[in-house]
Protein backbone atom coordinates (compact mmCIF):
# COMPACT_ATOMS: atom_id res chain seq x y z
CA UNK A 1 -20.07 -0.71 -2.12
CA UNK A 2 -20.47 -3.46 0.48
CA UNK A 3 -23.76 -4.47 -1.14
CA UNK A 4 -22.05 -4.73 -4.52
CA UNK A 5 -19.23 -6.77 -3.03
CA UNK A 6 -21.62 -9.12 -1.25
CA UNK A 7 -23.45 -9.72 -4.51
CA UNK A 8 -20.29 -11.12 -6.13
CA UNK A 9 -20.39 -14.92 -5.99
CA UNK A 10 -16.76 -15.88 -6.65
CA UNK A 11 -13.94 -15.35 -4.18
CA UNK A 12 -11.62 -14.19 -6.97
CA UNK A 13 -14.20 -11.61 -7.99
CA UNK A 14 -14.41 -10.27 -4.43
CA UNK A 15 -10.62 -10.10 -4.20
CA UNK A 16 -10.43 -8.13 -7.45
CA UNK A 17 -13.23 -5.85 -6.24
CA UNK A 18 -11.35 -5.20 -2.99
CA UNK A 19 -8.13 -4.57 -4.90
CA UNK A 20 -9.90 -2.11 -7.18
CA UNK A 21 -11.35 -0.27 -4.20
CA UNK A 22 -7.90 -0.20 -2.62
CA UNK A 23 -6.35 1.28 -5.77
CA UNK A 24 -9.13 3.87 -6.02
CA UNK A 25 -8.42 4.92 -2.43
CA UNK A 26 -4.64 5.02 -2.91
CA UNK A 27 -4.58 7.20 -6.05
CA UNK A 28 -5.77 10.45 -4.40
CA UNK A 29 -3.51 9.81 -1.40
CA UNK A 30 -0.49 9.44 -3.67
CA UNK A 31 -1.42 12.51 -5.70
CA UNK A 32 -2.06 14.74 -2.69
CA UNK A 33 1.02 13.40 -0.94
CA UNK A 34 3.15 14.28 -3.97
CA UNK A 35 1.74 17.82 -4.03
CA UNK A 36 1.61 18.63 -0.32
CA UNK A 37 3.98 16.18 1.36
CA UNK A 38 3.38 13.84 4.28
CA UNK A 39 0.83 16.01 6.09
CA UNK A 40 -1.52 16.10 3.10
CA UNK A 41 -1.22 12.35 2.64
CA UNK A 42 -1.90 11.81 6.36
CA UNK A 43 -5.01 14.00 6.27
CA UNK A 44 -6.36 12.33 3.12
CA UNK A 45 -5.81 8.85 4.55
CA UNK A 46 -7.49 9.82 7.81
CA UNK A 47 -10.56 11.35 6.14
CA UNK A 48 -11.04 8.45 3.72
CA UNK A 49 -10.61 5.77 6.36
CA UNK A 50 -12.73 7.50 9.00
CA UNK A 51 -15.51 8.29 6.53
CA UNK A 52 -15.69 4.73 5.21
CA UNK A 53 -15.62 3.28 8.72
CA UNK A 54 -18.42 5.57 9.94
CA UNK A 55 -20.65 4.78 6.95
CA UNK A 56 -20.13 1.06 7.44
CA UNK A 57 -20.87 1.32 11.17
CA UNK A 58 -24.16 3.14 10.54
CA UNK A 59 -25.15 0.54 7.95
CA UNK A 60 -24.52 -2.13 10.59
CA UNK A 61 -26.78 -0.31 13.05
CA UNK A 62 -24.05 0.82 15.43
CA UNK A 63 -24.61 3.67 17.88
CA UNK A 64 -23.74 6.94 16.03
CA UNK A 65 -21.72 8.37 18.93
CA UNK A 66 -19.65 5.23 19.32
CA UNK A 67 -19.33 5.04 15.52
CA UNK A 68 -17.77 8.51 15.50
CA UNK A 69 -15.19 7.49 18.09
CA UNK A 70 -14.48 4.27 16.22
CA UNK A 71 -14.12 6.12 12.92
CA UNK A 72 -11.69 8.58 14.51
CA UNK A 73 -9.64 5.73 15.93
CA UNK A 74 -9.65 3.81 12.64
CA UNK A 75 -8.64 6.89 10.64
CA UNK A 76 -5.83 7.74 13.03
CA UNK A 77 -4.67 4.13 13.08
CA UNK A 78 -4.47 3.80 9.31
CA UNK A 79 -2.88 7.20 8.81
CA UNK A 80 -0.28 6.65 11.55
CA UNK A 81 0.58 2.99 11.09
CA UNK A 82 2.81 3.44 8.05
CA UNK A 83 4.72 6.26 9.76
CA UNK A 84 5.20 4.17 12.91
CA UNK A 85 6.32 1.12 10.95
CA UNK A 86 8.75 3.21 8.90
CA UNK A 87 10.20 4.75 12.07
CA UNK A 88 10.57 1.37 13.79
CA UNK A 89 12.06 -0.23 10.69
CA UNK A 90 14.41 2.70 10.19
CA UNK A 91 15.91 2.26 13.67
CA UNK A 92 16.55 -1.40 12.93
CA UNK A 93 17.98 -0.63 9.49
CA UNK A 94 15.17 -2.46 7.70
CA UNK A 95 12.77 0.41 7.02
CA UNK A 96 11.40 0.92 3.48
CA UNK A 97 13.46 4.09 2.95
CA UNK A 98 16.66 2.38 4.06
CA UNK A 99 16.02 -0.70 1.92
CA UNK A 100 15.03 1.43 -1.08
CA UNK A 101 18.28 3.42 -0.85
CA UNK A 102 20.17 0.11 -0.90
CA UNK A 103 18.11 -1.11 -3.86
CA UNK A 104 19.06 2.02 -5.79
CA UNK A 105 22.67 0.79 -5.74
CA UNK A 106 21.77 -2.23 -7.91
CA UNK A 107 23.13 -1.72 -11.43
CA UNK A 108 20.72 -3.91 -13.38
CA UNK A 109 17.59 -1.88 -14.19
CA UNK A 110 15.14 -4.77 -13.95
CA UNK A 111 16.65 -6.16 -10.74
CA UNK A 112 16.69 -2.68 -9.19
CA UNK A 113 13.04 -2.00 -10.09
CA UNK A 114 11.96 -5.48 -8.97
CA UNK A 115 13.72 -5.02 -5.62
CA UNK A 116 12.01 -1.67 -5.05
CA UNK A 117 8.68 -3.22 -6.03
CA UNK A 118 9.23 -6.02 -3.51
CA UNK A 119 10.04 -3.47 -0.81
CA UNK A 120 6.88 -1.49 -1.58
CA UNK A 121 4.77 -4.64 -1.55
CA UNK A 122 6.26 -5.92 1.69
CA UNK A 123 5.73 -2.56 3.38
CA UNK A 124 2.11 -2.35 2.24
CA UNK A 125 1.34 -5.94 3.31
CA UNK A 126 2.88 -5.33 6.74
CA UNK A 127 0.80 -2.17 7.14
CA UNK A 128 -2.47 -3.81 6.07
CA UNK A 129 -1.90 -6.90 8.21
CA UNK A 130 -1.07 -4.71 11.20
CA UNK A 131 -4.33 -2.86 10.75
CA UNK A 132 -6.20 -6.15 10.40
CA UNK A 133 -4.98 -7.23 13.83
CA UNK A 134 -5.47 -3.85 15.53
CA UNK A 135 -9.03 -3.15 14.34
CA UNK A 136 -10.56 -5.85 16.62
CA UNK A 137 -8.94 -4.03 19.56
CA UNK A 138 -10.93 -0.89 18.64
CA UNK A 139 -14.09 -2.99 18.30
CA UNK A 140 -13.59 -4.35 21.80
CA UNK A 141 -12.75 -1.00 23.42
CA UNK A 142 -15.45 1.12 21.76
CA UNK A 143 -18.26 -1.27 20.87
CA UNK A 144 -17.68 -3.84 23.62
CA UNK A 145 -17.39 -6.68 21.08
CA UNK A 146 -15.61 -9.87 22.06
CA UNK A 147 -12.00 -9.72 20.93
CA UNK A 148 -11.25 -12.07 18.04
CA UNK A 149 -8.00 -12.71 16.23
CA UNK A 150 -8.32 -12.56 12.41
CA UNK A 151 -8.71 -15.96 10.79
CA UNK A 152 -6.16 -17.38 8.38
CA UNK A 153 -8.44 -16.74 5.39
CA UNK A 154 -8.65 -13.04 6.29
CA UNK A 155 -4.87 -12.79 6.63
CA UNK A 156 -4.26 -14.48 3.27
CA UNK A 157 -6.97 -12.46 1.49
CA UNK A 158 -5.55 -9.20 2.86
CA UNK A 159 -2.10 -10.12 1.56
CA UNK A 160 -3.48 -11.07 -1.88
CA UNK A 161 -5.52 -7.87 -2.22
CA UNK A 162 -2.49 -5.80 -1.22
CA UNK A 163 -0.27 -7.63 -3.71
CA UNK A 164 -2.72 -7.02 -6.55
CA UNK A 165 -3.26 -3.34 -5.77
CA UNK A 166 0.47 -2.72 -5.27
CA UNK A 167 1.14 -4.42 -8.60
CA UNK A 168 -1.38 -2.18 -10.36
CA UNK A 169 0.11 0.98 -8.82
CA UNK A 170 3.81 0.09 -9.03
CA UNK A 171 3.98 -2.32 -11.97
CA UNK A 172 3.88 0.33 -14.74
CA UNK A 173 6.75 2.16 -13.05
CA UNK A 174 8.90 -0.99 -13.15
CA UNK A 175 8.21 -1.49 -16.86
CA UNK A 176 8.81 2.19 -17.64
CA UNK A 177 12.07 2.51 -15.73
CA UNK A 178 13.44 -0.77 -17.08
CA UNK A 179 12.48 0.14 -20.64
CA UNK A 180 14.08 3.55 -20.35
CA UNK A 181 17.33 2.16 -18.94
CA UNK A 182 17.47 -0.55 -21.59
CA UNK A 183 17.00 2.08 -24.29
CA UNK A 184 19.96 4.06 -22.93
CA UNK A 185 22.02 0.87 -22.75
CA UNK A 186 21.22 0.11 -26.38
CA UNK A 187 22.33 3.60 -27.42
CA UNK A 188 25.65 3.12 -25.62
CA UNK A 189 26.30 -0.17 -27.42
CA UNK A 190 25.38 1.36 -30.80
CA UNK A 191 27.76 4.25 -30.16
CA UNK A 192 30.50 1.78 -29.23
CA UNK A 193 30.07 -0.18 -32.46
CA UNK A 194 29.88 2.91 -34.66
CA UNK A 195 32.94 4.63 -33.20
CA UNK A 196 34.93 1.50 -32.38
CA UNK A 197 36.03 3.11 -29.14
CA UNK A 198 35.76 2.17 -25.48
CA UNK A 199 32.78 3.36 -23.52
CA UNK A 200 33.92 5.93 -21.01
CA UNK A 201 31.77 6.18 -17.90
C-alpha cells in the first residue's frame, strides 16, 4: 500500500488515499466493537496497528526483533490512547461521552447531529494527533532514532485525513437521523392541520 501511495503525484490524491485506508481500517473495528464491546474493538485495533507497523518496519529494513517490540508498542498505543483520552476528558467533564450526552439534549435534529459529528471528529483528531507525537518516542526508545517533533505539514495532513474519514463514516448517520426527525415533524404538522387541534407532547 505504501508503494501505491508513493506513486500518487498529487497531495490531494495522497490525502484521499490515506483517508480511504483509514476508513477501511475503522469499519471492522466498529463492527466488531458493536458485536463484542470494547474488548473486541481493542483487540482488533491492536492487531491491525501492530501488523501494519511490523510490515512497514520490515520493508524499511529494520531489525525483526526490534520491529516486533515496536509493533507491540504501536498497537498498544493506538488501542489504548482513545480509552485514556476518554478517561481523562471524562474527569474534566469534557470527554466525548459527556459531551455527546449534552448534545442529545439539543431539540433541533440537524443541530443535534452536527454537534455529535463535531464531537466525534474532535475526538478522532485528538487521538490521531496524540499518536503522531508519541510514535517518535517509540522510534527513539526501540530503534535508537533521533527524536523529532512532527512537522506542521504532518500535523495538518493528519487532521485533514481524520476529518475526511470521520465525515465518510459519520456523515450518512447525520443525514439519516435528520431526515427521519424531519419526517416525523412533518407528520405532526399535517396531523395538526387536519384535526385543527393542539399538538400534545
